[in-house]
Amino acid sequence: MDLPASEGSNLDKYDIALFAASCDSAATNRRFATALDLDYPVLSDLDQEVAKAYGVVHEGRSYPERWTFIIGTDGTILDVMTEVDTGSHGAQIAERLEKLGVPRR
């Protein structure tokens, strides 16, 4: 998997705040992050309030879509990546950040 360490996917080269969000408990997310040696936080949205607001949990789907949102510093959603290949997604995100002109560190 390309995303466990943002460093390995070149995401660390961009001036971004990187995190994941999950509808699992904080304790489950901590175990997941530790098991994969993630270098970014996994936030917990146990009541699915945020997931529903972003449309990743919707009618007919009880668990969240695996989507990536790129959000600008002003809070505007710049892009939504709805097709996620966990094996190369970090590199895909870095590519998209480049295309969007996101500043490098």
N, C-alpha and C. Protein backbone atom coordinates (compact mmCIF):
# COMPACT_ATOMS: atom_id res chain seq x y z
N MET A 1 0.85 -1.17 0.00
CA MET A 1 0.00 0.00 0.00
C MET A 1 0.89 1.23 0.00
N ASP A 2 0.56 2.19 -0.82
CA ASP A 2 1.39 3.36 -1.02
C ASP A 2 1.17 4.46 0.01
N LEU A 3 0.01 4.50 0.65
CA LEU A 3 -0.32 5.63 1.50
C LEU A 3 0.06 5.51 2.97
N PRO A 4 0.45 4.37 3.51
CA PRO A 4 0.71 4.32 4.94
C PRO A 4 1.68 5.37 5.45
N ALA A 5 2.68 5.70 4.72
CA ALA A 5 3.58 6.77 5.12
C ALA A 5 3.51 7.83 4.04
N SER A 6 3.10 9.02 4.41
CA SER A 6 2.99 10.07 3.40
C SER A 6 4.33 10.32 2.74
N GLU A 7 5.41 10.06 3.46
CA GLU A 7 6.77 10.24 2.95
C GLU A 7 7.02 9.37 1.72
N GLY A 8 6.54 8.15 1.74
CA GLY A 8 6.79 7.22 0.64
C GLY A 8 6.00 7.51 -0.61
N SER A 9 5.01 8.37 -0.54
CA SER A 9 4.16 8.65 -1.69
C SER A 9 4.40 10.04 -2.26
N ASN A 10 5.36 10.76 -1.70
CA ASN A 10 5.68 12.14 -2.09
C ASN A 10 4.68 13.16 -1.58
N LEU A 11 3.71 12.74 -0.79
CA LEU A 11 2.77 13.70 -0.23
C LEU A 11 3.46 14.65 0.74
N ASP A 12 4.56 14.20 1.32
CA ASP A 12 5.29 15.04 2.27
C ASP A 12 5.95 16.23 1.58
N LYS A 13 5.98 16.22 0.27
CA LYS A 13 6.60 17.32 -0.48
C LYS A 13 5.64 18.50 -0.67
N TYR A 14 4.37 18.31 -0.31
CA TYR A 14 3.36 19.36 -0.50
C TYR A 14 3.00 20.00 0.83
N ASP A 15 2.61 21.26 0.75
CA ASP A 15 2.23 22.02 1.94
C ASP A 15 0.76 21.72 2.24
N ILE A 16 0.53 20.55 2.83
CA ILE A 16 -0.84 20.08 3.08
C ILE A 16 -0.97 19.57 4.51
N ALA A 17 -2.20 19.51 4.96
CA ALA A 17 -2.54 18.80 6.20
C ALA A 17 -3.19 17.50 5.74
N LEU A 18 -2.58 16.39 6.07
CA LEU A 18 -3.05 15.08 5.62
C LEU A 18 -3.67 14.34 6.80
N PHE A 19 -4.87 13.84 6.60
CA PHE A 19 -5.50 12.99 7.61
C PHE A 19 -6.51 12.10 6.92
N ALA A 20 -6.88 11.05 7.61
CA ALA A 20 -7.95 10.16 7.14
C ALA A 20 -9.10 10.30 8.12
N ALA A 21 -10.29 9.95 7.66
CA ALA A 21 -11.46 9.95 8.53
C ALA A 21 -12.15 8.59 8.38
N SER A 22 -12.64 8.09 9.48
CA SER A 22 -13.27 6.78 9.50
C SER A 22 -14.50 6.83 10.40
N CYS A 23 -15.45 5.97 10.13
CA CYS A 23 -16.65 5.87 10.96
C CYS A 23 -16.46 4.85 12.08
N ASP A 24 -15.23 4.39 12.26
CA ASP A 24 -14.89 3.49 13.36
C ASP A 24 -14.57 4.30 14.61
N SER A 25 -14.47 3.63 15.72
CA SER A 25 -14.15 4.30 16.98
C SER A 25 -12.72 4.82 16.98
N ALA A 26 -12.44 5.76 17.86
CA ALA A 26 -11.08 6.30 17.99
C ALA A 26 -10.09 5.19 18.34
N ALA A 27 -10.50 4.27 19.21
CA ALA A 27 -9.62 3.17 19.61
C ALA A 27 -9.30 2.27 18.41
N THR A 28 -10.29 1.96 17.61
CA THR A 28 -10.08 1.14 16.41
C THR A 28 -9.16 1.87 15.43
N ASN A 29 -9.38 3.16 15.27
CA ASN A 29 -8.54 3.95 14.36
C ASN A 29 -7.09 4.00 14.84
N ARG A 30 -6.89 4.11 16.15
CA ARG A 30 -5.52 4.11 16.70
C ARG A 30 -4.82 2.78 16.40
N ARG A 31 -5.54 1.67 16.60
CA ARG A 31 -4.96 0.36 16.31
C ARG A 31 -4.62 0.23 14.83
N PHE A 32 -5.51 0.69 13.98
CA PHE A 32 -5.30 0.66 12.54
C PHE A 32 -4.07 1.49 12.16
N ALA A 33 -3.99 2.71 12.68
CA ALA A 33 -2.86 3.60 12.37
C ALA A 33 -1.55 3.01 12.86
N THR A 34 -1.57 2.41 14.03
CA THR A 34 -0.36 1.79 14.59
C THR A 34 0.05 0.58 13.76
N ALA A 35 -0.92 -0.26 13.40
CA ALA A 35 -0.62 -1.47 12.63
C ALA A 35 -0.01 -1.14 11.28
N LEU A 36 -0.44 -0.03 10.67
CA LEU A 36 0.07 0.35 9.35
C LEU A 36 1.20 1.37 9.45
N ASP A 37 1.56 1.75 10.66
CA ASP A 37 2.64 2.72 10.89
C ASP A 37 2.36 4.03 10.14
N LEU A 38 1.12 4.50 10.24
CA LEU A 38 0.74 5.73 9.56
C LEU A 38 1.41 6.93 10.21
N ASP A 39 1.77 7.90 9.39
CA ASP A 39 2.37 9.12 9.93
C ASP A 39 1.42 10.31 9.81
N TYR A 40 0.13 10.00 9.78
CA TYR A 40 -0.91 11.02 9.79
C TYR A 40 -2.07 10.50 10.63
N PRO A 41 -2.89 11.40 11.17
CA PRO A 41 -3.99 10.95 12.04
C PRO A 41 -5.16 10.35 11.28
N VAL A 42 -5.87 9.45 11.96
CA VAL A 42 -7.12 8.90 11.45
C VAL A 42 -8.21 9.37 12.42
N LEU A 43 -9.05 10.28 11.93
CA LEU A 43 -10.09 10.87 12.76
C LEU A 43 -11.30 9.95 12.83
N SER A 44 -12.04 10.04 13.92
CA SER A 44 -13.20 9.19 14.13
C SER A 44 -14.49 9.99 13.94
N ASP A 45 -15.37 9.48 13.11
CA ASP A 45 -16.70 10.07 12.86
C ASP A 45 -17.74 8.99 13.17
N LEU A 46 -17.75 8.58 14.43
CA LEU A 46 -18.55 7.43 14.86
C LEU A 46 -20.04 7.60 14.55
N ASP A 47 -20.56 8.82 14.68
CA ASP A 47 -21.99 9.03 14.40
C ASP A 47 -22.27 9.27 12.92
N GLN A 48 -21.25 9.24 12.10
CA GLN A 48 -21.32 9.40 10.63
C GLN A 48 -21.85 10.76 10.18
N GLU A 49 -21.86 11.73 11.08
CA GLU A 49 -22.38 13.06 10.74
C GLU A 49 -21.57 13.71 9.60
N VAL A 50 -20.26 13.68 9.72
CA VAL A 50 -19.41 14.28 8.68
C VAL A 50 -19.47 13.45 7.40
N ALA A 51 -19.43 12.14 7.53
CA ALA A 51 -19.50 11.26 6.36
C ALA A 51 -20.77 11.50 5.56
N LYS A 52 -21.88 11.68 6.24
CA LYS A 52 -23.15 11.97 5.55
C LYS A 52 -23.11 13.33 4.90
N ALA A 53 -22.54 14.32 5.59
CA ALA A 53 -22.45 15.68 5.03
C ALA A 53 -21.61 15.71 3.76
N TYR A 54 -20.59 14.87 3.69
CA TYR A 54 -19.74 14.81 2.50
C TYR A 54 -20.25 13.81 1.47
N GLY A 55 -21.35 13.13 1.76
CA GLY A 55 -21.96 12.22 0.80
C GLY A 55 -21.33 10.85 0.69
N VAL A 56 -20.43 10.51 1.60
CA VAL A 56 -19.78 9.20 1.51
C VAL A 56 -20.59 8.10 2.18
N VAL A 57 -21.55 8.48 3.02
CA VAL A 57 -22.54 7.54 3.55
C VAL A 57 -23.88 8.09 3.08
N HIS A 58 -24.65 7.27 2.39
CA HIS A 58 -25.89 7.74 1.81
C HIS A 58 -26.89 6.59 1.74
N GLU A 59 -28.08 6.91 1.32
CA GLU A 59 -29.15 5.91 1.23
C GLU A 59 -28.67 4.72 0.41
N GLY A 60 -28.90 3.54 0.97
CA GLY A 60 -28.51 2.33 0.29
C GLY A 60 -27.06 1.92 0.56
N ARG A 61 -26.35 2.72 1.36
CA ARG A 61 -24.96 2.40 1.67
C ARG A 61 -24.72 2.70 3.15
N SER A 62 -24.57 1.65 3.95
CA SER A 62 -24.44 1.83 5.40
C SER A 62 -23.00 2.08 5.84
N TYR A 63 -22.03 1.80 4.98
CA TYR A 63 -20.64 2.08 5.33
C TYR A 63 -20.10 3.08 4.30
N PRO A 64 -19.08 3.82 4.67
CA PRO A 64 -18.64 4.93 3.82
C PRO A 64 -17.95 4.51 2.53
N GLU A 65 -18.16 5.34 1.51
CA GLU A 65 -17.38 5.22 0.27
C GLU A 65 -15.94 5.56 0.64
N ARG A 66 -15.00 5.05 -0.10
CA ARG A 66 -13.59 5.37 0.12
C ARG A 66 -13.21 6.46 -0.89
N TRP A 67 -13.46 7.69 -0.51
CA TRP A 67 -13.19 8.83 -1.38
C TRP A 67 -12.14 9.72 -0.74
N THR A 68 -11.46 10.48 -1.57
CA THR A 68 -10.48 11.45 -1.10
C THR A 68 -10.93 12.85 -1.49
N PHE A 69 -10.96 13.72 -0.51
CA PHE A 69 -11.33 15.11 -0.74
C PHE A 69 -10.09 15.98 -0.61
N ILE A 70 -9.85 16.81 -1.60
CA ILE A 70 -8.77 17.78 -1.53
C ILE A 70 -9.44 19.12 -1.27
N ILE A 71 -9.13 19.69 -0.12
CA ILE A 71 -9.80 20.90 0.34
C ILE A 71 -8.78 22.03 0.44
N GLY A 72 -9.10 23.16 -0.16
CA GLY A 72 -8.21 24.31 -0.15
C GLY A 72 -8.14 24.97 1.22
N THR A 73 -7.17 25.85 1.36
CA THR A 73 -6.98 26.53 2.64
C THR A 73 -8.18 27.40 3.02
N ASP A 74 -9.01 27.75 2.03
CA ASP A 74 -10.21 28.55 2.31
C ASP A 74 -11.43 27.68 2.61
N GLY A 75 -11.24 26.36 2.63
CA GLY A 75 -12.34 25.44 2.93
C GLY A 75 -13.09 24.96 1.70
N THR A 76 -12.73 25.43 0.53
CA THR A 76 -13.37 25.03 -0.70
C THR A 76 -12.89 23.64 -1.12
N ILE A 77 -13.82 22.78 -1.51
CA ILE A 77 -13.45 21.47 -2.02
C ILE A 77 -12.90 21.67 -3.43
N LEU A 78 -11.62 21.38 -3.61
CA LEU A 78 -10.96 21.55 -4.89
C LEU A 78 -11.15 20.35 -5.80
N ASP A 79 -11.27 19.17 -5.20
CA ASP A 79 -11.39 17.95 -5.99
C ASP A 79 -11.89 16.82 -5.10
N VAL A 80 -12.60 15.89 -5.70
CA VAL A 80 -13.04 14.67 -5.03
C VAL A 80 -12.59 13.50 -5.89
N MET A 81 -11.80 12.64 -5.28
CA MET A 81 -11.32 11.45 -5.99
C MET A 81 -12.18 10.27 -5.54
N THR A 82 -13.04 9.79 -6.43
CA THR A 82 -14.00 8.74 -6.07
C THR A 82 -13.53 7.34 -6.42
N GLU A 83 -12.45 7.25 -7.18
CA GLU A 83 -11.91 5.94 -7.51
C GLU A 83 -10.56 5.81 -6.80
N VAL A 84 -10.53 4.98 -5.78
CA VAL A 84 -9.34 4.85 -4.94
C VAL A 84 -8.75 3.46 -5.09
N ASP A 85 -7.50 3.41 -5.51
CA ASP A 85 -6.74 2.18 -5.56
C ASP A 85 -5.74 2.26 -4.40
N THR A 86 -5.99 1.51 -3.34
CA THR A 86 -5.16 1.64 -2.14
C THR A 86 -3.70 1.34 -2.40
N GLY A 87 -3.40 0.61 -3.45
CA GLY A 87 -2.01 0.27 -3.76
C GLY A 87 -1.21 1.43 -4.32
N SER A 88 -1.88 2.42 -4.90
CA SER A 88 -1.16 3.53 -5.52
C SER A 88 -1.79 4.88 -5.22
N HIS A 89 -2.68 4.94 -4.27
CA HIS A 89 -3.45 6.17 -4.07
C HIS A 89 -2.61 7.35 -3.60
N GLY A 90 -1.60 7.10 -2.79
CA GLY A 90 -0.74 8.20 -2.36
C GLY A 90 -0.12 8.92 -3.54
N ALA A 91 0.40 8.15 -4.48
CA ALA A 91 0.99 8.73 -5.69
C ALA A 91 -0.07 9.43 -6.53
N GLN A 92 -1.28 8.87 -6.58
CA GLN A 92 -2.37 9.50 -7.32
C GLN A 92 -2.73 10.85 -6.70
N ILE A 93 -2.75 10.91 -5.38
CA ILE A 93 -3.06 12.17 -4.70
C ILE A 93 -1.96 13.20 -5.01
N ALA A 94 -0.70 12.78 -4.91
CA ALA A 94 0.41 13.69 -5.19
C ALA A 94 0.31 14.24 -6.61
N GLU A 95 -0.04 13.39 -7.55
CA GLU A 95 -0.22 13.80 -8.94
C GLU A 95 -1.32 14.85 -9.06
N ARG A 96 -2.44 14.60 -8.36
CA ARG A 96 -3.57 15.53 -8.41
C ARG A 96 -3.21 16.86 -7.76
N LEU A 97 -2.47 16.81 -6.63
CA LEU A 97 -2.03 18.04 -5.97
C LEU A 97 -1.19 18.89 -6.93
N GLU A 98 -0.33 18.22 -7.67
CA GLU A 98 0.52 18.92 -8.65
C GLU A 98 -0.34 19.59 -9.71
N LYS A 99 -1.32 18.86 -10.25
CA LYS A 99 -2.20 19.41 -11.28
C LYS A 99 -3.02 20.59 -10.76
N LEU A 100 -3.39 20.53 -9.48
CA LEU A 100 -4.18 21.61 -8.88
C LEU A 100 -3.31 22.81 -8.48
N GLY A 101 -2.00 22.66 -8.59
CA GLY A 101 -1.11 23.76 -8.25
C GLY A 101 -0.94 23.98 -6.76
N VAL A 102 -1.13 22.91 -5.99
CA VAL A 102 -0.93 23.02 -4.53
C VAL A 102 0.55 23.27 -4.26
N PRO A 103 0.86 24.27 -3.45
CA PRO A 103 2.27 24.62 -3.20
C PRO A 103 3.06 23.47 -2.57
N ARG A 104 4.32 23.41 -2.92
CA ARG A 104 5.23 22.47 -2.29
C ARG A 104 5.83 23.10 -1.05
N ARG A 105 6.34 22.26 -0.17
CA ARG A 105 6.99 22.76 1.05
C ARG A 105 8.28 23.45 0.71
